[in-house]
Amino acid sequence: AGVERPDRLVGIYTSDYSSGRYGTSSYPDYLDFRQQADAFA
């Protein structure tokens, strides 16, 4: 609710499988994903 075109939003998860398949990420990894992946606006 309250977001623009919610069908185009995705979540990105990193995991070591020690706490589930869908874990959180670090800030440096976030920056690398953001700078190197052109699939995202």
PDB file of all heavy atoms in Angstrom:
ATOM      1  N   ALA A   1       0.828  -1.203   0.000  1.00  0.00           N
ATOM      2  CA  ALA A   1       0.000   0.000   0.000  1.00  0.00           C
ATOM      3  C   ALA A   1       0.862   1.253   0.000  1.00  0.00           C
ATOM      4  O   ALA A   1       1.919   1.312   0.629  1.00  0.00           O
ATOM      5  CB  ALA A   1      -0.915   0.010   1.225  1.00  0.00           C
ATOM      6  N   GLY A   2       0.396   2.252  -0.725  1.00  0.00           N
ATOM      7  CA  GLY A   2       1.012   3.562  -0.678  1.00  0.00           C
ATOM      8  C   GLY A   2       2.282   3.718  -1.480  1.00  0.00           C
ATOM      9  O   GLY A   2       2.948   4.744  -1.371  1.00  0.00           O
ATOM     10  N   VAL A   3       2.645   2.708  -2.284  1.00  0.00           N
ATOM     11  CA  VAL A   3       3.854   2.813  -3.101  1.00  0.00           C
ATOM     12  C   VAL A   3       3.472   2.813  -4.574  1.00  0.00           C
ATOM     13  O   VAL A   3       2.395   2.350  -4.962  1.00  0.00           O
ATOM     14  CB  VAL A   3       4.845   1.663  -2.809  1.00  0.00           C
ATOM     15  CG1 VAL A   3       5.189   1.619  -1.337  1.00  0.00           C
ATOM     16  CG2 VAL A   3       4.281   0.321  -3.261  1.00  0.00           C
ATOM     17  N   GLU A   4       4.362   3.322  -5.392  1.00  0.00           N
ATOM     18  CA  GLU A   4       4.113   3.437  -6.822  1.00  0.00           C
ATOM     19  C   GLU A   4       4.439   2.123  -7.535  1.00  0.00           C
ATOM     20  O   GLU A   4       5.505   1.547  -7.329  1.00  0.00           O
ATOM     21  CB  GLU A   4       4.986   4.561  -7.381  1.00  0.00           C
ATOM     22  CG  GLU A   4       4.821   4.837  -8.857  1.00  0.00           C
ATOM     23  CD  GLU A   4       5.722   5.975  -9.308  1.00  0.00           C
ATOM     24  OE1 GLU A   4       5.711   7.032  -8.650  1.00  0.00           O
ATOM     25  OE2 GLU A   4       6.460   5.794 -10.290  1.00  0.00           O
ATOM     26  N   ARG A   5       3.521   1.629  -8.332  1.00  0.00           N
ATOM     27  CA  ARG A   5       3.712   0.403  -9.122  1.00  0.00           C
ATOM     28  C   ARG A   5       4.368  -0.703  -8.294  1.00  0.00           C
ATOM     29  O   ARG A   5       5.501  -1.126  -8.540  1.00  0.00           O
ATOM     30  CB  ARG A   5       4.542   0.700 -10.368  1.00  0.00           C
ATOM     31  CG  ARG A   5       3.893   1.700 -11.316  1.00  0.00           C
ATOM     32  CD  ARG A   5       4.775   1.995 -12.504  1.00  0.00           C
ATOM     33  NE  ARG A   5       4.998   0.798 -13.304  1.00  0.00           N
ATOM     34  CZ  ARG A   5       5.906   0.709 -14.289  1.00  0.00           C
ATOM     35  NH1 ARG A   5       6.677   1.754 -14.560  1.00  0.00           N
ATOM     36  NH2 ARG A   5       6.046  -0.396 -14.971  1.00  0.00           N
ATOM     37  N   PRO A   6       3.688  -1.202  -7.270  1.00  0.00           N
ATOM     38  CA  PRO A   6       4.291  -2.175  -6.361  1.00  0.00           C
ATOM     39  C   PRO A   6       4.708  -3.471  -7.042  1.00  0.00           C
ATOM     40  O   PRO A   6       5.564  -4.192  -6.519  1.00  0.00           O
ATOM     41  CB  PRO A   6       3.179  -2.425  -5.328  1.00  0.00           C
ATOM     42  CG  PRO A   6       1.912  -2.013  -6.023  1.00  0.00           C
ATOM     43  CD  PRO A   6       2.297  -0.883  -6.919  1.00  0.00           C
ATOM     44  N   ASP A   7       4.135  -3.773  -8.208  1.00  0.00           N
ATOM     45  CA  ASP A   7       4.496  -5.006  -8.902  1.00  0.00           C
ATOM     46  C   ASP A   7       5.918  -4.976  -9.434  1.00  0.00           C
ATOM     47  O   ASP A   7       6.474  -6.020  -9.804  1.00  0.00           O
ATOM     48  CB  ASP A   7       3.526  -5.265 -10.062  1.00  0.00           C
ATOM     49  CG  ASP A   7       3.516  -4.125 -11.079  1.00  0.00           C
ATOM     50  OD1 ASP A   7       3.251  -2.982 -10.674  1.00  0.00           O
ATOM     51  OD2 ASP A   7       3.780  -4.377 -12.266  1.00  0.00           O
ATOM     52  N   ARG A   8       6.559  -3.797  -9.475  1.00  0.00           N
ATOM     53  CA  ARG A   8       7.932  -3.687  -9.969  1.00  0.00           C
ATOM     54  C   ARG A   8       8.956  -3.658  -8.843  1.00  0.00           C
ATOM     55  O   ARG A   8      10.157  -3.544  -9.083  1.00  0.00           O
ATOM     56  CB  ARG A   8       8.091  -2.419 -10.829  1.00  0.00           C
ATOM     57  CG  ARG A   8       7.166  -2.338 -12.022  1.00  0.00           C
ATOM     58  CD  ARG A   8       7.383  -3.510 -12.958  1.00  0.00           C
ATOM     59  NE  ARG A   8       8.685  -3.448 -13.627  1.00  0.00           N
ATOM     60  CZ  ARG A   8       9.194  -4.451 -14.336  1.00  0.00           C
ATOM     61  NH1 ARG A   8       8.543  -5.596 -14.428  1.00  0.00           N
ATOM     62  NH2 ARG A   8      10.365  -4.304 -14.928  1.00  0.00           N
ATOM     63  N   LEU A   9       8.506  -3.771  -7.614  1.00  0.00           N
ATOM     64  CA  LEU A   9       9.416  -3.769  -6.475  1.00  0.00           C
ATOM     65  C   LEU A   9       9.864  -5.195  -6.148  1.00  0.00           C
ATOM     66  O   LEU A   9       9.062  -6.132  -6.180  1.00  0.00           O
ATOM     67  CB  LEU A   9       8.743  -3.161  -5.249  1.00  0.00           C
ATOM     68  CG  LEU A   9       8.498  -1.649  -5.269  1.00  0.00           C
ATOM     69  CD1 LEU A   9       7.788  -1.228  -3.985  1.00  0.00           C
ATOM     70  CD2 LEU A   9       9.801  -0.881  -5.428  1.00  0.00           C
ATOM     71  N   VAL A  10      11.139  -5.329  -5.824  1.00  0.00           N
ATOM     72  CA  VAL A  10      11.698  -6.632  -5.452  1.00  0.00           C
ATOM     73  C   VAL A  10      12.547  -6.470  -4.198  1.00  0.00           C
ATOM     74  O   VAL A  10      13.003  -5.375  -3.861  1.00  0.00           O
ATOM     75  CB  VAL A  10      12.559  -7.235  -6.586  1.00  0.00           C
ATOM     76  CG1 VAL A  10      11.716  -7.532  -7.808  1.00  0.00           C
ATOM     77  CG2 VAL A  10      13.724  -6.318  -6.936  1.00  0.00           C
ATOM     78  N   GLY A  11      12.755  -7.580  -3.511  1.00  0.00           N
ATOM     79  CA  GLY A  11      13.672  -7.619  -2.387  1.00  0.00           C
ATOM     80  C   GLY A  11      14.889  -8.448  -2.755  1.00  0.00           C
ATOM     81  O   GLY A  11      14.783  -9.417  -3.512  1.00  0.00           O
ATOM     82  N   ILE A  12      16.052  -8.056  -2.255  1.00  0.00           N
ATOM     83  CA  ILE A  12      17.295  -8.792  -2.497  1.00  0.00           C
ATOM     84  C   ILE A  12      17.804  -9.315  -1.168  1.00  0.00           C
ATOM     85  O   ILE A  12      17.942  -8.562  -0.200  1.00  0.00           O
ATOM     86  CB  ILE A  12      18.356  -7.889  -3.159  1.00  0.00           C
ATOM     87  CG1 ILE A  12      17.836  -7.380  -4.510  1.00  0.00           C
ATOM     88  CG2 ILE A  12      19.673  -8.645  -3.341  1.00  0.00           C
ATOM     89  CD1 ILE A  12      18.783  -6.411  -5.193  1.00  0.00           C
ATOM     90  N   TYR A  13      18.097 -10.605  -1.124  1.00  0.00           N
ATOM     91  CA  TYR A  13      18.482 -11.252   0.122  1.00  0.00           C
ATOM     92  C   TYR A  13      19.796 -12.011  -0.048  1.00  0.00           C
ATOM     93  O   TYR A  13      20.032 -12.651  -1.077  1.00  0.00           O
ATOM     94  CB  TYR A  13      17.391 -12.228   0.582  1.00  0.00           C
ATOM     95  CG  TYR A  13      16.066 -11.550   0.852  1.00  0.00           C
ATOM     96  CD1 TYR A  13      15.129 -11.380  -0.159  1.00  0.00           C
ATOM     97  CD2 TYR A  13      15.768 -11.063   2.119  1.00  0.00           C
ATOM     98  CE1 TYR A  13      13.918 -10.747   0.077  1.00  0.00           C
ATOM     99  CE2 TYR A  13      14.562 -10.428   2.365  1.00  0.00           C
ATOM    100  CZ  TYR A  13      13.639 -10.275   1.352  1.00  0.00           C
ATOM    101  OH  TYR A  13      12.448  -9.642   1.590  1.00  0.00           O
ATOM    102  N   THR A  14      20.638 -11.949   0.967  1.00  0.00           N
ATOM    103  CA  THR A  14      21.886 -12.694   1.021  1.00  0.00           C
ATOM    104  C   THR A  14      21.827 -13.625   2.222  1.00  0.00           C
ATOM    105  O   THR A  14      21.338 -13.244   3.283  1.00  0.00           O
ATOM    106  CB  THR A  14      23.094 -11.749   1.172  1.00  0.00           C
ATOM    107  OG1 THR A  14      23.098 -10.817   0.097  1.00  0.00           O
ATOM    108  CG2 THR A  14      24.402 -12.525   1.161  1.00  0.00           C
ATOM    109  N   SER A  15      22.335 -14.833   2.081  1.00  0.00           N
ATOM    110  CA  SER A  15      22.254 -15.777   3.189  1.00  0.00           C
ATOM    111  C   SER A  15      23.463 -16.694   3.239  1.00  0.00           C
ATOM    112  O   SER A  15      24.067 -17.014   2.219  1.00  0.00           O
ATOM    113  CB  SER A  15      20.979 -16.619   3.074  1.00  0.00           C
ATOM    114  OG  SER A  15      20.913 -17.542   4.144  1.00  0.00           O
ATOM    115  N   ASP A  16      23.793 -17.093   4.458  1.00  0.00           N
ATOM    116  CA  ASP A  16      24.791 -18.145   4.630  1.00  0.00           C
ATOM    117  C   ASP A  16      24.112 -19.443   5.089  1.00  0.00           C
ATOM    118  O   ASP A  16      24.779 -20.388   5.501  1.00  0.00           O
ATOM    119  CB  ASP A  16      25.862 -17.726   5.640  1.00  0.00           C
ATOM    120  CG  ASP A  16      25.279 -17.426   7.015  1.00  0.00           C
ATOM    121  OD1 ASP A  16      24.071 -17.635   7.203  1.00  0.00           O
ATOM    122  OD2 ASP A  16      26.038 -16.994   7.899  1.00  0.00           O
ATOM    123  N   TYR A  17      22.761 -19.447   5.027  1.00  0.00           N
ATOM    124  CA  TYR A  17      21.931 -20.585   5.417  1.00  0.00           C
ATOM    125  C   TYR A  17      21.968 -20.872   6.915  1.00  0.00           C
ATOM    126  O   TYR A  17      21.351 -21.827   7.385  1.00  0.00           O
ATOM    127  CB  TYR A  17      22.347 -21.863   4.668  1.00  0.00           C
ATOM    128  CG  TYR A  17      21.885 -21.917   3.240  1.00  0.00           C
ATOM    129  CD1 TYR A  17      22.761 -22.263   2.235  1.00  0.00           C
ATOM    130  CD2 TYR A  17      20.574 -21.624   2.895  1.00  0.00           C
ATOM    131  CE1 TYR A  17      22.361 -22.322   0.913  1.00  0.00           C
ATOM    132  CE2 TYR A  17      20.156 -21.676   1.579  1.00  0.00           C
ATOM    133  CZ  TYR A  17      21.046 -22.033   0.598  1.00  0.00           C
ATOM    134  OH  TYR A  17      20.658 -22.082  -0.708  1.00  0.00           O
ATOM    135  N   SER A  18      22.681 -20.067   7.699  1.00  0.00           N
ATOM    136  CA  SER A  18      22.698 -20.316   9.139  1.00  0.00           C
ATOM    137  C   SER A  18      21.445 -19.753   9.812  1.00  0.00           C
ATOM    138  O   SER A  18      21.102 -20.152  10.917  1.00  0.00           O
ATOM    139  CB  SER A  18      23.950 -19.697   9.764  1.00  0.00           C
ATOM    140  OG  SER A  18      23.943 -18.288   9.613  1.00  0.00           O
ATOM    141  N   SER A  19      20.786 -18.798   9.149  1.00  0.00           N
ATOM    142  CA  SER A  19      19.585 -18.205   9.738  1.00  0.00           C
ATOM    143  C   SER A  19      18.477 -18.080   8.703  1.00  0.00           C
ATOM    144  O   SER A  19      17.742 -17.110   8.667  1.00  0.00           O
ATOM    145  CB  SER A  19      19.922 -16.821  10.306  1.00  0.00           C
ATOM    146  OG  SER A  19      20.453 -15.980   9.298  1.00  0.00           O
ATOM    147  N   GLY A  20      18.380 -19.057   7.837  1.00  0.00           N
ATOM    148  CA  GLY A  20      17.335 -19.040   6.821  1.00  0.00           C
ATOM    149  C   GLY A  20      17.869 -18.683   5.455  1.00  0.00           C
ATOM    150  O   GLY A  20      18.977 -18.168   5.298  1.00  0.00           O
ATOM    151  N   ARG A  21      17.071 -18.953   4.450  1.00  0.00           N
ATOM    152  CA  ARG A  21      17.475 -18.733   3.060  1.00  0.00           C
ATOM    153  C   ARG A  21      17.519 -17.253   2.708  1.00  0.00           C
ATOM    154  O   ARG A  21      18.278 -16.833   1.841  1.00  0.00           O
ATOM    155  CB  ARG A  21      16.488 -19.475   2.140  1.00  0.00           C
ATOM    156  CG  ARG A  21      16.795 -19.352   0.654  1.00  0.00           C
ATOM    157  CD  ARG A  21      18.096 -20.043   0.303  1.00  0.00           C
ATOM    158  NE  ARG A  21      18.354 -20.071  -1.125  1.00  0.00           N
ATOM    159  CZ  ARG A  21      18.866 -19.035  -1.814  1.00  0.00           C
ATOM    160  NH1 ARG A  21      19.151 -17.927  -1.180  1.00  0.00           N
ATOM    161  NH2 ARG A  21      19.086 -19.156  -3.105  1.00  0.00           N
ATOM    162  N   TYR A  22      16.690 -16.455   3.394  1.00  0.00           N
ATOM    163  CA  TYR A  22      16.559 -15.050   3.019  1.00  0.00           C
ATOM    164  C   TYR A  22      17.122 -14.174   4.134  1.00  0.00           C
ATOM    165  O   TYR A  22      16.403 -13.746   5.029  1.00  0.00           O
ATOM    166  CB  TYR A  22      15.098 -14.720   2.734  1.00  0.00           C
ATOM    167  CG  TYR A  22      14.516 -15.588   1.640  1.00  0.00           C
ATOM    168  CD1 TYR A  22      13.757 -16.721   1.945  1.00  0.00           C
ATOM    169  CD2 TYR A  22      14.754 -15.294   0.302  1.00  0.00           C
ATOM    170  CE1 TYR A  22      13.242 -17.518   0.930  1.00  0.00           C
ATOM    171  CE2 TYR A  22      14.240 -16.083  -0.708  1.00  0.00           C
ATOM    172  CZ  TYR A  22      13.488 -17.204  -0.381  1.00  0.00           C
ATOM    173  OH  TYR A  22      12.990 -17.991  -1.380  1.00  0.00           O
ATOM    174  N   GLY A  23      18.418 -13.892   4.056  1.00  0.00           N
ATOM    175  CA  GLY A  23      19.083 -13.108   5.078  1.00  0.00           C
ATOM    176  C   GLY A  23      19.343 -11.685   4.631  1.00  0.00           C
ATOM    177  O   GLY A  23      19.049 -11.296   3.505  1.00  0.00           O
ATOM    178  N   THR A  24      19.920 -10.919   5.528  1.00  0.00           N
ATOM    179  CA  THR A  24      20.197  -9.512   5.258  1.00  0.00           C
ATOM    180  C   THR A  24      21.579  -9.341   4.624  1.00  0.00           C
ATOM    181  O   THR A  24      22.355 -10.283   4.523  1.00  0.00           O
ATOM    182  CB  THR A  24      20.103  -8.707   6.556  1.00  0.00           C
ATOM    183  OG1 THR A  24      20.887  -9.352   7.570  1.00  0.00           O
ATOM    184  CG2 THR A  24      18.663  -8.626   7.026  1.00  0.00           C
ATOM    185  N   SER A  25      21.872  -8.112   4.229  1.00  0.00           N
ATOM    186  CA  SER A  25      23.104  -7.807   3.505  1.00  0.00           C
ATOM    187  C   SER A  25      23.882  -6.712   4.219  1.00  0.00           C
ATOM    188  O   SER A  25      23.381  -6.066   5.137  1.00  0.00           O
ATOM    189  CB  SER A  25      22.781  -7.363   2.073  1.00  0.00           C
ATOM    190  OG  SER A  25      22.007  -8.335   1.391  1.00  0.00           O
ATOM    191  N   SER A  26      25.121  -6.493   3.780  1.00  0.00           N
ATOM    192  CA  SER A  26      25.952  -5.433   4.337  1.00  0.00           C
ATOM    193  C   SER A  26      25.840  -4.183   3.469  1.00  0.00           C
ATOM    194  O   SER A  26      25.430  -4.250   2.301  1.00  0.00           O
ATOM    195  CB  SER A  26      27.411  -5.881   4.424  1.00  0.00           C
ATOM    196  OG  SER A  26      27.975  -5.980   3.129  1.00  0.00           O
ATOM    197  N   TYR A  27      26.241  -3.043   4.031  1.00  0.00           N
ATOM    198  CA  TYR A  27      26.183  -1.801   3.268  1.00  0.00           C
ATOM    199  C   TYR A  27      27.131  -1.818   2.064  1.00  0.00           C
ATOM    200  O   TYR A  27      26.731  -1.409   0.965  1.00  0.00           O
ATOM    201  CB  TYR A  27      26.486  -0.612   4.183  1.00  0.00           C
ATOM    202  CG  TYR A  27      26.293   0.723   3.508  1.00  0.00           C
ATOM    203  CD1 TYR A  27      25.016   1.224   3.285  1.00  0.00           C
ATOM    204  CD2 TYR A  27      27.380   1.481   3.100  1.00  0.00           C
ATOM    205  CE1 TYR A  27      24.824   2.452   2.664  1.00  0.00           C
ATOM    206  CE2 TYR A  27      27.198   2.711   2.471  1.00  0.00           C
ATOM    207  CZ  TYR A  27      25.924   3.193   2.259  1.00  0.00           C
ATOM    208  OH  TYR A  27      25.742   4.396   1.642  1.00  0.00           O
ATOM    209  N   PRO A  28      28.384  -2.288   2.204  1.00  0.00           N
ATOM    210  CA  PRO A  28      29.247  -2.352   1.018  1.00  0.00           C
ATOM    211  C   PRO A  28      28.686  -3.262  -0.080  1.00  0.00           C
ATOM    212  O   PRO A  28      28.799  -2.944  -1.266  1.00  0.00           O
ATOM    213  CB  PRO A  28      30.566  -2.898   1.570  1.00  0.00           C
ATOM    214  CG  PRO A  28      30.580  -2.437   2.991  1.00  0.00           C
ATOM    215  CD  PRO A  28      29.154  -2.580   3.430  1.00  0.00           C
ATOM    216  N   ASP A  29      28.071  -4.375   0.302  1.00  0.00           N
ATOM    217  CA  ASP A  29      27.457  -5.238  -0.710  1.00  0.00           C
ATOM    218  C   ASP A  29      26.301  -4.522  -1.393  1.00  0.00           C
ATOM    219  O   ASP A  29      26.107  -4.631  -2.614  1.00  0.00           O
ATOM    220  CB  ASP A  29      26.951  -6.535  -0.073  1.00  0.00           C
ATOM    221  CG  ASP A  29      28.082  -7.495   0.265  1.00  0.00           C
ATOM    222  OD1 ASP A  29      29.226  -7.241  -0.163  1.00  0.00           O
ATOM    223  OD2 ASP A  29      27.832  -8.490   0.969  1.00  0.00           O
ATOM    224  N   TYR A  30      25.506  -3.786  -0.609  1.00  0.00           N
ATOM    225  CA  TYR A  30      24.408  -3.000  -1.184  1.00  0.00           C
ATOM    226  C   TYR A  30      24.933  -2.031  -2.230  1.00  0.00           C
ATOM    227  O   TYR A  30      24.368  -1.899  -3.330  1.00  0.00           O
ATOM    228  CB  TYR A  30      23.657  -2.266  -0.076  1.00  0.00           C
ATOM    229  CG  TYR A  30      22.966  -1.007  -0.536  1.00  0.00           C
ATOM    230  CD1 TYR A  30      21.833  -1.067  -1.347  1.00  0.00           C
ATOM    231  CD2 TYR A  30      23.468   0.257  -0.194  1.00  0.00           C
ATOM    232  CE1 TYR A  30      21.207   0.097  -1.786  1.00  0.00           C
ATOM    233  CE2 TYR A  30      22.845   1.415  -0.621  1.00  0.00           C
ATOM    234  CZ  TYR A  30      21.714   1.334  -1.420  1.00  0.00           C
ATOM    235  OH  TYR A  30      21.117   2.480  -1.862  1.00  0.00           O
ATOM    236  N   LEU A  31      26.032  -1.332  -1.911  1.00  0.00           N
ATOM    237  CA  LEU A  31      26.604  -0.382  -2.857  1.00  0.00           C
ATOM    238  C   LEU A  31      27.056  -1.080  -4.136  1.00  0.00           C
ATOM    239  O   LEU A  31      26.839  -0.574  -5.243  1.00  0.00           O
ATOM    240  CB  LEU A  31      27.780   0.359  -2.221  1.00  0.00           C
ATOM    241  CG  LEU A  31      27.447   1.349  -1.102  1.00  0.00           C
ATOM    242  CD1 LEU A  31      28.729   1.993  -0.580  1.00  0.00           C
ATOM    243  CD2 LEU A  31      26.472   2.413  -1.576  1.00  0.00           C
ATOM    244  N   ASP A  32      27.670  -2.248  -3.993  1.00  0.00           N
ATOM    245  CA  ASP A  32      28.117  -2.987  -5.183  1.00  0.00           C
ATOM    246  C   ASP A  32      26.929  -3.436  -6.027  1.00  0.00           C
ATOM    247  O   ASP A  32      26.957  -3.337  -7.259  1.00  0.00           O
ATOM    248  CB  ASP A  32      28.963  -4.189  -4.769  1.00  0.00           C
ATOM    249  CG  ASP A  32      30.370  -3.795  -4.345  1.00  0.00           C
ATOM    250  OD1 ASP A  32      30.961  -2.918  -4.996  1.00  0.00           O
ATOM    251  OD2 ASP A  32      30.875  -4.354  -3.361  1.00  0.00           O
ATOM    252  N   PHE A  33      25.896  -3.941  -5.383  1.00  0.00           N
ATOM    253  CA  PHE A  33      24.695  -4.334  -6.129  1.00  0.00           C
ATOM    254  C   PHE A  33      24.116  -3.132  -6.873  1.00  0.00           C
ATOM    255  O   PHE A  33      23.749  -3.227  -8.050  1.00  0.00           O
ATOM    256  CB  PHE A  33      23.630  -4.901  -5.180  1.00  0.00           C
ATOM    257  CG  PHE A  33      23.977  -6.229  -4.566  1.00  0.00           C
ATOM    258  CD1 PHE A  33      23.478  -6.596  -3.328  1.00  0.00           C
ATOM    259  CD2 PHE A  33      24.806  -7.123  -5.225  1.00  0.00           C
ATOM    260  CE1 PHE A  33      23.781  -7.810  -2.766  1.00  0.00           C
ATOM    261  CE2 PHE A  33      25.120  -8.357  -4.671  1.00  0.00           C
ATOM    262  CZ  PHE A  33      24.601  -8.694  -3.421  1.00  0.00           C
ATOM    263  N   ARG A  34      24.046  -2.004  -6.182  1.00  0.00           N
ATOM    264  CA  ARG A  34      23.436  -0.819  -6.766  1.00  0.00           C
ATOM    265  C   ARG A  34      24.245  -0.283  -7.944  1.00  0.00           C
ATOM    266  O   ARG A  34      23.691   0.154  -8.953  1.00  0.00           O
ATOM    267  CB  ARG A  34      23.296   0.268  -5.689  1.00  0.00           C
ATOM    268  CG  ARG A  34      22.510   1.485  -6.160  1.00  0.00           C
ATOM    269  CD  ARG A  34      22.479   2.566  -5.102  1.00  0.00           C
ATOM    270  NE  ARG A  34      21.693   3.711  -5.553  1.00  0.00           N
ATOM    271  CZ  ARG A  34      21.870   4.947  -5.137  1.00  0.00           C
ATOM    272  NH1 ARG A  34      22.815   5.208  -4.234  1.00  0.00           N
ATOM    273  NH2 ARG A  34      21.122   5.924  -5.603  1.00  0.00           N
ATOM    274  N   GLN A  35      25.567  -0.315  -7.828  1.00  0.00           N
ATOM    275  CA  GLN A  35      26.424   0.266  -8.855  1.00  0.00           C
ATOM    276  C   GLN A  35      26.621  -0.654 -10.058  1.00  0.00           C
ATOM    277  O   GLN A  35      26.843  -0.178 -11.172  1.00  0.00           O
ATOM    278  CB  GLN A  35      27.775   0.625  -8.239  1.00  0.00           C
ATOM    279  CG  GLN A  35      27.702   1.746  -7.219  1.00  0.00           C
ATOM    280  CD  GLN A  35      28.956   1.854  -6.370  1.00  0.00           C
ATOM    281  OE1 GLN A  35      29.917   1.096  -6.548  1.00  0.00           O
ATOM    282  NE2 GLN A  35      28.959   2.794  -5.424  1.00  0.00           N
ATOM    283  N   GLN A  36      26.542  -1.965  -9.847  1.00  0.00           N
ATOM    284  CA  GLN A  36      26.901  -2.898 -10.913  1.00  0.00           C
ATOM    285  C   GLN A  36      25.713  -3.532 -11.622  1.00  0.00           C
ATOM    286  O   GLN A  36      25.871  -4.045 -12.740  1.00  0.00           O
ATOM    287  CB  GLN A  36      27.791  -4.014 -10.346  1.00  0.00           C
ATOM    288  CG  GLN A  36      29.098  -3.502  -9.761  1.00  0.00           C
ATOM    289  CD  GLN A  36      29.954  -4.622  -9.195  1.00  0.00           C
ATOM    290  OE1 GLN A  36      30.009  -5.729  -9.739  1.00  0.00           O
ATOM    291  NE2 GLN A  36      30.625  -4.354  -8.078  1.00  0.00           N
ATOM    292  N   ALA A  37      24.536  -3.532 -11.013  1.00  0.00           N
ATOM    293  CA  ALA A  37      23.366  -4.182 -11.624  1.00  0.00           C
ATOM    294  C   ALA A  37      22.509  -3.137 -12.324  1.00  0.00           C
ATOM    295  O   ALA A  37      21.946  -2.255 -11.677  1.00  0.00           O
ATOM    296  CB  ALA A  37      22.551  -4.909 -10.558  1.00  0.00           C
ATOM    297  N   ASP A  38      22.412  -3.230 -13.652  1.00  0.00           N
ATOM    298  CA  ASP A  38      21.598  -2.256 -14.391  1.00  0.00           C
ATOM    299  C   ASP A  38      20.185  -2.759 -14.655  1.00  0.00           C
ATOM    300  O   ASP A  38      19.423  -2.124 -15.378  1.00  0.00           O
ATOM    301  CB  ASP A  38      22.277  -1.878 -15.704  1.00  0.00           C
ATOM    302  CG  ASP A  38      22.485  -3.071 -16.637  1.00  0.00           C
ATOM    303  OD1 ASP A  38      21.965  -4.174 -16.341  1.00  0.00           O
ATOM    304  OD2 ASP A  38      23.166  -2.907 -17.666  1.00  0.00           O
ATOM    305  N   ALA A  39      19.827  -3.889 -14.052  1.00  0.00           N
ATOM    306  CA  ALA A  39      18.457  -4.387 -14.188  1.00  0.00           C
ATOM    307  C   ALA A  39      17.480  -3.565 -13.355  1.00  0.00           C
ATOM    308  O   ALA A  39      16.267  -3.658 -13.544  1.00  0.00           O
ATOM    309  CB  ALA A  39      18.380  -5.859 -13.760  1.00  0.00           C
ATOM    310  N   PHE A  40      18.020  -2.760 -12.444  1.00  0.00           N
ATOM    311  CA  PHE A  40      17.185  -1.994 -11.528  1.00  0.00           C
ATOM    312  C   PHE A  40      17.217  -0.509 -11.877  1.00  0.00           C
ATOM    313  O   PHE A  40      18.260   0.040 -12.231  1.00  0.00           O
ATOM    314  CB  PHE A  40      17.662  -2.175 -10.089  1.00  0.00           C
ATOM    315  CG  PHE A  40      17.771  -3.603  -9.658  1.00  0.00           C
ATOM    316  CD1 PHE A  40      18.986  -4.271  -9.746  1.00  0.00           C
ATOM    317  CD2 PHE A  40      16.670  -4.292  -9.179  1.00  0.00           C
ATOM    318  CE1 PHE A  40      19.099  -5.590  -9.363  1.00  0.00           C
ATOM    319  CE2 PHE A  40      16.766  -5.616  -8.796  1.00  0.00           C
ATOM    320  CZ  PHE A  40      17.988  -6.263  -8.890  1.00  0.00           C
ATOM    321  N   ALA A  41      16.084   0.136 -11.728  1.00  0.00           N
ATOM    322  CA  ALA A  41      16.062   1.595 -11.822  1.00  0.00           C
ATOM    323  C   ALA A  41      16.843   2.190 -10.661  1.00  0.00           C
ATOM    324  O   ALA A  41      17.537   3.188 -10.819  1.00  0.00           O
ATOM    325  CB  ALA A  41      14.620   2.098 -11.813  1.00  0.00           C
TER     326      ALA A  41
END
